[in-house]
Protein backbone atom coordinates (compact mmCIF):
# COMPACT_ATOMS: atom_id res chain seq x y z
CA ARG A 1 0.12 0.08 -0.21
CA ARG A 2 1.22 3.54 -0.60
CA ALA A 3 1.17 5.43 2.23
CA PRO A 4 0.92 9.46 2.18
CA PRO A 5 4.00 11.09 1.21
CA PRO A 6 5.79 12.76 3.95
CA GLY A 7 6.52 16.94 3.25
CA GLY A 8 8.79 16.82 0.72
CA GLY A 9 8.24 13.68 -0.83
CA TYR A 10 9.14 10.19 -0.58
CA PRO A 11 12.45 9.13 -0.08
CA VAL A 12 13.50 6.81 -2.95
CA LEU A 13 16.00 4.09 -2.79
CA TYR A 14 17.37 2.28 -6.10
CA LEU A 15 18.01 -1.34 -5.78
CA LEU A 16 20.16 -3.24 -8.03
CA GLU A 17 20.39 -6.92 -8.32
CA GLY A 18 16.21 -6.12 -8.56
CA ASN A 19 15.42 -9.66 -9.03
CA ALA A 20 17.38 -10.92 -6.31
CA ALA A 21 16.31 -8.15 -3.91
CA PHE A 22 12.71 -8.46 -4.16
CA ASP A 23 12.81 -12.26 -4.14
CA THR A 24 14.30 -11.52 -0.59
CA LEU A 25 12.03 -8.51 0.57
CA ARG A 26 10.25 -11.31 2.77
CA GLN A 27 13.89 -12.00 4.56
CA ALA A 28 14.58 -8.14 4.79
CA ARG A 29 11.26 -7.58 6.36
CA ALA A 30 11.64 -10.34 9.27
CA GLU A 31 15.21 -8.31 9.56
CA LEU A 32 13.97 -4.84 9.55
CA GLY A 33 10.89 -5.45 12.05
CA ARG A 34 8.60 -2.33 12.25
CA ALA A 35 10.12 0.58 10.33
CA ARG A 36 10.12 3.77 11.86
CA GLY A 37 10.20 7.24 9.86
CA ALA A 38 9.20 7.82 6.65
CA PRO A 39 8.07 5.49 3.95
CA VAL A 40 10.18 4.67 1.21
CA ILE A 41 9.80 3.96 -2.56
CA LEU A 42 11.62 1.01 -3.76
CA VAL A 43 12.86 1.09 -7.30
CA GLY A 44 14.35 -2.24 -8.18
CA MET A 45 16.40 -2.53 -11.67
CA GLY A 46 16.63 -6.53 -12.82
CA TYR A 47 16.43 -8.74 -15.80
CA ASP A 48 13.97 -9.90 -17.96
CA VAL A 49 15.17 -13.69 -16.76
CA ASP A 50 13.52 -16.68 -14.93
CA ASP A 51 16.44 -16.49 -12.20
CA ARG A 52 17.51 -14.01 -9.49
CA TYR A 53 20.90 -13.34 -11.65
CA ASP A 54 21.99 -12.49 -15.34
CA VAL A 55 25.64 -13.20 -14.85
CA GLN A 56 26.83 -12.01 -17.79
CA ALA A 57 24.57 -8.61 -17.93
CA ARG A 58 25.45 -8.00 -13.84
CA SER A 59 28.76 -8.40 -14.75
CA MET A 60 28.88 -5.97 -17.40
CA ASP A 61 26.44 -3.29 -15.93
CA TYR A 62 28.01 -2.89 -12.46
CA THR A 63 31.53 -3.50 -12.44
CA PRO A 64 33.88 -0.26 -12.74
CA PRO A 65 35.88 0.72 -15.92
CA SER A 66 39.16 -0.41 -15.19
CA SER A 67 42.36 -1.83 -17.29
CA GLY A 68 41.25 -5.84 -18.40
CA ALA A 69 37.95 -5.30 -17.83
CA ASP A 70 37.49 -7.26 -20.97
CA LYS A 71 38.65 -10.30 -19.10
CA PRO A 72 38.73 -9.36 -15.48
CA LEU A 73 41.01 -11.04 -12.93
CA GLY A 74 40.52 -12.15 -9.84
CA VAL A 75 38.19 -14.93 -7.66
CA PRO A 76 36.60 -14.37 -4.17
CA GLY A 77 39.86 -14.22 -1.55
CA ASN A 78 42.45 -13.89 -4.59
CA PRO A 79 42.43 -11.09 -6.80
CA THR A 80 45.05 -11.56 -9.02
CA ALA A 81 43.91 -14.89 -10.06
CA PRO A 82 42.89 -15.68 -13.58
CA GLY A 83 39.58 -14.29 -13.84
CA ARG A 84 36.35 -16.72 -13.92
CA ALA A 85 34.47 -13.63 -14.01
CA GLN A 86 32.78 -12.30 -17.34
CA PRO A 87 33.62 -9.52 -18.90
CA GLY A 88 32.57 -5.72 -17.62
CA GLY A 89 33.11 -2.28 -16.98
CA GLY A 90 30.12 -1.04 -18.08
CA ALA A 91 29.30 0.83 -15.12
CA ASP A 92 29.38 4.14 -16.28
CA ARG A 93 26.41 3.39 -19.12
CA MET A 94 24.73 1.96 -16.25
CA LEU A 95 25.05 5.01 -14.35
CA ALA A 96 23.94 7.29 -17.42
CA TRP A 97 20.97 5.03 -18.00
CA MET A 98 19.93 5.51 -14.16
CA ASP A 99 20.44 9.36 -14.19
CA GLY A 100 18.90 10.06 -17.62
CA THR A 101 16.30 7.65 -18.16
CA LEU A 102 15.06 5.74 -15.03
CA ARG A 103 15.27 8.59 -12.30
CA PRO A 104 13.42 11.33 -14.18
CA LEU A 105 11.00 8.63 -14.69
CA ILE A 106 10.54 8.05 -11.42
CA ALA A 107 10.40 11.91 -10.37
CA GLN A 108 7.61 12.59 -13.07
CA ARG A 109 5.32 9.82 -11.43
CA TYR A 110 5.81 10.08 -7.75
CA PRO A 111 6.08 12.80 -5.35
CA VAL A 112 9.79 12.49 -4.28
CA ALA A 113 12.33 13.98 -2.21
CA ALA A 114 14.90 15.08 -4.58
CA ASP A 115 17.39 15.67 -1.75
CA ARG A 116 16.50 11.86 0.11
CA GLN A 117 17.76 9.98 -2.66
CA GLY A 118 19.44 6.50 -2.05
CA ILE A 119 21.17 3.44 -3.63
CA TYR A 120 21.48 -0.08 -2.44
CA GLY A 121 23.66 -2.98 -4.13
CA HIS A 122 24.87 -6.28 -2.81
CA SER A 123 28.28 -7.99 -4.03
CA PHE A 124 28.64 -6.69 -7.92
CA GLY A 125 26.10 -4.55 -6.94
CA ALA A 126 28.02 -2.91 -4.31
CA LEU A 127 30.63 -2.15 -6.73
CA LEU A 128 28.16 0.03 -8.79
CA VAL A 129 27.40 1.93 -5.53
CA LEU A 130 30.85 2.46 -4.74
CA HIS A 131 31.85 3.30 -8.21
CA ALA A 132 28.97 6.06 -8.26
CA LEU A 133 29.76 7.93 -5.44
CA PHE A 134 33.21 7.81 -6.13
CA THR A 135 32.78 9.26 -9.73
CA ASP A 136 30.03 12.22 -8.77
CA PRO A 137 29.27 12.14 -5.01
CA ALA A 138 26.18 14.42 -5.10
CA ARG A 139 24.27 11.83 -7.08
CA TYR A 140 22.52 10.45 -4.48
CA GLN A 141 22.77 11.29 -0.68
CA THR A 142 22.89 7.81 0.60
CA TYR A 143 25.20 4.85 -0.52
CA VAL A 144 24.55 1.39 0.81
CA ALA A 145 27.37 -1.39 -0.52
CA ALA A 146 26.86 -4.85 1.09
CA SER A 147 29.75 -7.38 0.88
CA PRO A 148 31.21 -5.45 -2.32
CA SER A 149 33.29 -7.67 -4.32
CA THR A 150 36.60 -6.08 -3.48
CA TRP A 151 38.50 -8.83 -5.33
CA TRP A 152 37.02 -8.08 -8.94
CA ASN A 153 39.83 -7.23 -11.45
CA ASP A 154 42.74 -7.18 -9.08
CA ARG A 155 40.91 -5.02 -6.77
CA ALA A 156 39.89 -2.31 -9.23
CA ILE A 157 37.30 -1.00 -6.88
CA VAL A 158 40.19 -0.53 -4.11
CA LYS A 159 42.41 1.41 -6.22
CA GLU A 160 39.62 3.80 -7.02
CA ALA A 161 38.74 4.02 -3.64
CA ARG A 162 42.62 5.27 -3.01
CA ASN A 163 42.41 7.93 -5.28
CA VAL A 164 39.02 9.15 -4.40
CA ALA A 165 39.20 12.78 -3.44
CA VAL A 166 35.78 14.05 -1.47
CA GLY A 167 35.26 17.56 -1.51
CA ALA A 168 32.93 19.82 0.44
CA PRO A 169 29.37 18.94 0.00
CA ALA A 170 27.10 20.87 -2.17
CA THR A 171 23.96 20.49 -0.36
CA GLY A 172 25.70 21.36 3.06
CA ARG A 173 25.13 18.16 4.69
CA PRO A 174 27.44 15.60 3.24
CA ALA A 175 26.34 12.33 1.60
CA ARG A 176 25.92 8.88 3.64
CA LEU A 177 28.48 5.73 2.83
CA PHE A 178 27.37 2.82 4.69
CA VAL A 179 29.60 -0.61 4.03
CA LEU A 180 28.35 -3.73 5.53
CA ALA A 181 30.02 -7.13 5.52
CA GLY A 182 29.25 -10.56 7.09
CA GLY A 183 32.07 -12.09 9.47
CA LYS A 184 31.90 -15.64 7.58
CA GLU A 185 32.61 -14.07 4.12
CA LEU A 186 35.79 -12.12 5.24
CA ASP A 187 37.76 -15.28 5.39
CA GLY A 188 40.97 -15.02 3.33
CA VAL A 189 40.41 -11.38 2.47
CA MET A 190 43.45 -9.25 3.29
CA ALA A 191 43.22 -6.18 5.23
CA GLU A 192 43.89 -3.56 2.75
CA ASP A 193 40.79 -5.38 0.55
CA SER A 194 38.60 -5.33 3.08
CA PRO A 195 35.19 -3.37 2.98
CA GLU A 196 36.21 -1.87 6.41
CA ALA A 197 38.97 -0.50 4.68
CA ILE A 198 37.46 1.27 1.53
CA ALA A 199 35.12 3.03 4.36
CA ARG A 200 38.17 4.26 6.23
CA MET A 201 39.42 5.11 2.57
CA VAL A 202 36.56 7.61 1.84
CA ASN A 203 37.11 9.06 5.40
CA ALA A 204 40.57 9.61 5.08
CA ALA A 205 39.80 11.25 2.01
CA GLY A 206 38.16 14.28 3.33
CA GLY A 207 37.75 13.92 7.05
CA ALA A 208 34.90 15.75 9.20
CA GLY A 209 32.96 17.88 6.93
CA ALA A 210 33.97 16.62 3.52
CA GLY A 211 31.49 15.71 1.01
CA VAL A 212 30.65 11.86 2.13
CA ARG A 213 30.63 10.36 5.66
CA ALA A 214 31.68 6.63 5.89
CA SER A 215 30.14 4.22 7.94
CA TYR A 216 31.19 0.44 8.53
CA ALA A 217 28.75 -2.01 9.68
CA HIS A 218 30.41 -5.86 10.41
CA GLN A 219 27.49 -8.59 10.75
CA PRO A 220 29.17 -11.13 12.73
CA GLY A 221 28.58 -15.35 11.61
CA LYS A 222 26.98 -14.25 8.19
CA THR A 223 27.86 -15.22 4.86
CA HIS A 224 27.87 -13.42 1.63
CA GLY A 225 24.66 -14.77 0.40
CA GLU A 226 22.86 -13.81 3.95
CA MET A 227 24.09 -10.22 3.65
CA LEU A 228 21.88 -9.59 0.41
CA PRO A 229 18.43 -9.27 2.63
CA ILE A 230 20.36 -8.03 5.79
CA GLY A 231 22.10 -5.04 3.90
CA LEU A 232 18.68 -4.34 2.01
CA ALA A 233 16.82 -4.26 5.42
CA HIS A 234 19.32 -1.54 6.76
CA ALA A 235 18.96 0.37 3.75
CA VAL A 236 15.42 0.84 4.08
CA ARG A 237 15.80 1.49 7.74
CA TRP A 238 18.49 4.01 7.16
CA MET A 239 16.56 5.91 4.29
CA ALA A 240 13.32 6.11 6.37
CA ALA A 241 15.07 7.41 9.07
CA GLU A 242 16.97 10.38 7.68
CA HIS A 243 19.90 10.21 10.08
CA GLY A 244 21.75 7.88 12.22
CA ALA A 245 24.16 5.27 11.24
CA PRO A 246 25.89 2.17 12.72
CA GLY A 247 29.55 2.40 14.23
CA SER A 248 31.63 4.73 12.42
CA ALA A 249 35.01 3.31 10.84
CA GLU A 250 36.82 6.42 11.08
C-alpha cells in the first residue's frame, strides 16, 4: 500500500540486483522489523530472466571501467588469479541510464524528495554503488554497499577508493556511505581489500565536513548470500530515518 507522502516527498531507494532484492524482501522485512520514519519508495532494477541473476549482464553493468575489464582477474579470496568472471567495465553506461532515464521517470510519476535519494547494491551491485559515489558523490544522499566484491579485477574498486577525492558537500550536508560485510565472508580477505578499509579510505579522503561520511557495519557470523536481505533491511531503515548510522569506521 502507498502511504501518504511525507513533507517534501517520498525518499527513494534504488535497488540493484532487483530480481534477487525483491525475491528476498520477506527476509528483509523479518530482519527490519517495524520500520520507523518516512515511507520509502523502492525501485528495483533487474533483468528479464527467470533466475535471480543474469550473470553476464550484471558483470558488465555493475563493474567499474578499469584496465583489463574485458578479461577481469580475480576470484573470491584471490584478486590476482586468472579471472573466471564475465567481461565487465560498463558501470558508467548503467549510471548514465539511471541518471538520464530511470530517475527522471520516477520523479515524474511520484512525489519524491530530491534530497533523499539512495542506492543499494550487494556483491557486484555494491561495486556500482561505490563507483557511483567515487565518480559523483552528489548523485545520491545515501549509498549502501553490502559485501562489495573487492577482489574483482585485481582490486579495481580498492584502487579507485585510494584515489578518490571528496570535496565539500554541495548541499551543505554530507552524503552517507554505509558499507556492510558478514563475518563468514571475510576469510582470506586481506586488510587492504576489506570493505571496512574502503570506508576508512573514504573518510580519510576528506575527514570531518567533507562531502561524504562513511560507516562500516560488521555482521558477525553472516555469509555473503545472507548479506543481501540484511543489507537491504539496513538500507531501508537508513532511508526511512533521515539520520543515524551504525558504528563509524573512522
